[in-house]
Amino acid sequence: MTKRFSVAATLVTVLWAATVWASGPTAALNFLVIKDESGKPVRNAAVVLHPVNAKGKQERGGFELKTDSEGKTQFEGVPYGKLRVQVLATGFQTFGEDYDIAEPEKDITIRMKRPQKQFSIYEDHEGTPKKDAPGGEKDSGKPQ
């Protein structure tokens, strides 16, 4: 019973939001989310869609989709214009980019990258001279 209610509530929400959001020509978007290093699909990634106004500001509202086991998800009824797409997945950097939607169907492939190592001033880094490197004298601040 709760599963039926959940599916019905989701369907009603999507239909209501699509009619409110879309007032003009609309597009069908197909997303493919893959790992940058291997090209393998990223399952259960959150693909968040936000409309963007003419000034480049993100508007209220939007939709969240989830990718399937093949890294795919889709959405129909997206109005033409600017659209901000954000993708979040565990173990990957957050992806974000604006797209100009101007055709009835658009395929978007998103390559997710692993987080980069943090830079610390307390560690030795390749190519960076050390403060106490041999051959280099420390500046005592006194004129010689």
Protein backbone atom coordinates (compact mmCIF):
# COMPACT_ATOMS: atom_id res chain seq x y z
CA MET A 1 0.00 0.00 0.00
CA THR A 2 2.77 2.50 0.89
CA LYS A 3 4.67 1.65 -2.30
CA ARG A 4 1.59 2.41 -4.40
CA PHE A 5 1.07 5.66 -2.54
CA SER A 6 4.72 6.63 -3.02
CA VAL A 7 4.58 5.94 -6.77
CA ALA A 8 1.27 7.81 -7.12
CA ALA A 9 2.56 10.80 -5.14
CA THR A 10 5.72 10.94 -7.26
CA LEU A 11 3.71 10.77 -10.47
CA VAL A 12 1.34 13.53 -9.37
CA THR A 13 4.26 15.73 -8.28
CA VAL A 14 6.10 15.25 -11.58
CA LEU A 15 3.00 15.95 -13.66
CA TRP A 16 2.11 19.04 -11.63
CA ALA A 17 5.67 20.40 -11.76
CA ALA A 18 5.96 19.73 -15.49
CA THR A 19 2.78 21.69 -16.23
CA VAL A 20 3.84 24.60 -13.99
CA TRP A 21 7.45 24.71 -15.24
CA ALA A 22 6.79 24.19 -18.94
CA SER A 23 5.05 27.02 -20.75
CA GLY A 24 6.26 26.81 -24.35
CA PRO A 25 8.36 24.39 -26.40
CA THR A 26 9.90 21.60 -24.36
CA ALA A 27 12.75 19.13 -24.75
CA ALA A 28 13.55 15.59 -23.74
CA LEU A 29 16.92 15.24 -22.00
CA ASN A 30 18.90 11.99 -21.83
CA PHE A 31 21.71 11.85 -19.29
CA LEU A 32 24.62 9.41 -19.13
CA VAL A 33 26.81 9.67 -16.02
CA ILE A 34 30.15 7.85 -16.23
CA LYS A 35 33.44 7.65 -14.34
CA ASP A 36 36.08 9.86 -15.95
CA GLU A 37 38.96 7.42 -15.47
CA SER A 38 37.27 4.28 -16.76
CA GLY A 39 34.11 5.26 -18.66
CA LYS A 40 32.05 2.91 -16.49
CA PRO A 41 28.54 4.02 -15.44
CA VAL A 42 27.86 5.72 -12.11
CA ARG A 43 24.73 4.26 -10.58
CA ASN A 44 22.43 6.10 -8.18
CA ALA A 45 23.94 9.52 -8.96
CA ALA A 46 21.65 12.48 -8.25
CA VAL A 47 21.09 14.63 -11.35
CA VAL A 48 19.57 17.94 -10.25
CA LEU A 49 18.00 20.30 -12.81
CA HIS A 50 17.47 24.01 -12.08
CA PRO A 51 16.04 26.62 -14.47
CA VAL A 52 18.31 29.66 -14.96
CA ASN A 53 16.94 33.15 -15.74
CA ALA A 54 18.24 35.58 -18.39
CA LYS A 55 20.65 37.13 -15.86
CA GLY A 56 22.28 33.75 -15.15
CA LYS A 57 20.70 33.39 -11.71
CA GLN A 58 19.31 30.05 -10.62
CA GLU A 59 15.55 30.18 -10.22
CA ARG A 60 13.45 28.46 -7.58
CA GLY A 61 12.23 24.95 -8.18
CA GLY A 62 13.79 22.17 -10.14
CA PHE A 63 13.91 18.41 -10.31
CA GLU A 64 16.10 15.64 -8.96
CA LEU A 65 16.62 12.45 -10.94
CA LYS A 66 18.57 9.28 -10.08
CA THR A 67 20.68 7.28 -12.50
CA ASP A 68 20.01 3.58 -13.04
CA SER A 69 22.60 0.75 -13.02
CA GLU A 70 23.71 1.82 -16.51
CA GLY A 71 24.31 5.42 -15.38
CA LYS A 72 21.31 6.68 -17.37
CA THR A 73 18.34 8.86 -16.55
CA GLN A 74 15.99 11.01 -18.60
CA PHE A 75 13.45 13.77 -18.27
CA GLU A 76 10.86 15.08 -20.72
CA GLY A 77 9.12 18.43 -20.63
CA VAL A 78 12.13 20.67 -20.02
CA PRO A 79 11.41 24.17 -21.37
CA TYR A 80 13.82 25.71 -23.86
CA GLY A 81 16.36 28.09 -22.34
CA LYS A 82 19.20 27.90 -19.84
CA LEU A 83 19.31 24.92 -17.50
CA ARG A 84 21.77 24.32 -14.66
CA VAL A 85 22.68 20.66 -14.22
CA GLN A 86 24.36 19.45 -11.02
CA VAL A 87 25.40 15.86 -10.45
CA LEU A 88 26.24 14.44 -7.03
CA ALA A 89 27.56 10.94 -6.40
CA THR A 90 29.33 9.39 -3.44
CA GLY A 91 33.11 9.28 -3.97
CA PHE A 92 33.13 11.87 -6.78
CA GLN A 93 33.55 15.62 -7.15
CA THR A 94 30.28 17.51 -7.58
CA PHE A 95 29.65 18.37 -11.23
CA GLY A 96 27.91 21.55 -12.30
CA GLU A 97 27.38 23.19 -15.68
CA ASP A 98 24.81 25.33 -17.49
CA TYR A 99 23.32 24.10 -20.76
CA ASP A 100 21.34 25.97 -23.40
CA ILE A 101 18.34 23.82 -24.28
CA ALA A 102 17.19 24.73 -27.79
CA GLU A 103 16.30 21.45 -29.52
CA PRO A 104 13.56 18.86 -28.92
CA GLU A 105 16.00 16.17 -27.74
CA LYS A 106 19.43 16.47 -26.16
CA ASP A 107 21.92 13.82 -25.00
CA ILE A 108 24.22 14.93 -22.18
CA THR A 109 27.20 12.83 -21.05
CA ILE A 110 28.74 13.75 -17.70
CA ARG A 111 32.18 12.50 -16.70
CA MET A 112 32.57 12.33 -12.92
CA LYS A 113 36.05 12.84 -11.45
CA ARG A 114 37.46 11.51 -8.20
CA PRO A 115 38.32 14.11 -5.54
CA GLN A 116 41.81 15.54 -5.74
CA LYS A 117 44.23 15.26 -2.84
CA GLN A 118 44.18 18.24 -0.53
CA PHE A 119 47.23 20.49 -0.52
CA SER A 120 48.91 20.96 2.83
CA ILE A 121 51.63 23.44 3.70
CA TYR A 122 52.96 20.94 6.24
CA GLU A 123 53.94 18.32 3.66
CA ASP A 124 56.83 18.24 1.20
CA HIS A 125 55.66 18.78 -2.36
CA GLU A 126 57.43 17.78 -5.53
CA GLY A 127 58.92 20.76 -7.37
CA THR A 128 58.56 23.12 -4.41
CA PRO A 129 61.84 24.31 -2.82
CA LYS A 130 62.15 23.64 0.87
CA LYS A 131 62.67 26.55 3.23
CA ASP A 132 65.77 24.94 4.74
CA ALA A 133 67.15 23.54 1.47
CA PRO A 134 70.93 22.89 1.42
CA GLY A 135 72.90 25.59 -0.34
CA GLY A 136 70.32 28.21 0.43
CA GLU A 137 70.76 30.31 3.52
CA LYS A 138 67.86 31.51 5.52
CA ASP A 139 67.29 35.25 5.43
CA SER A 140 67.86 36.58 8.93
CA GLY A 141 66.33 39.90 8.04
CA LYS A 142 69.61 41.74 8.80
CA PRO A 143 71.46 43.65 6.05
CA GLN A 144 74.87 42.23 5.15
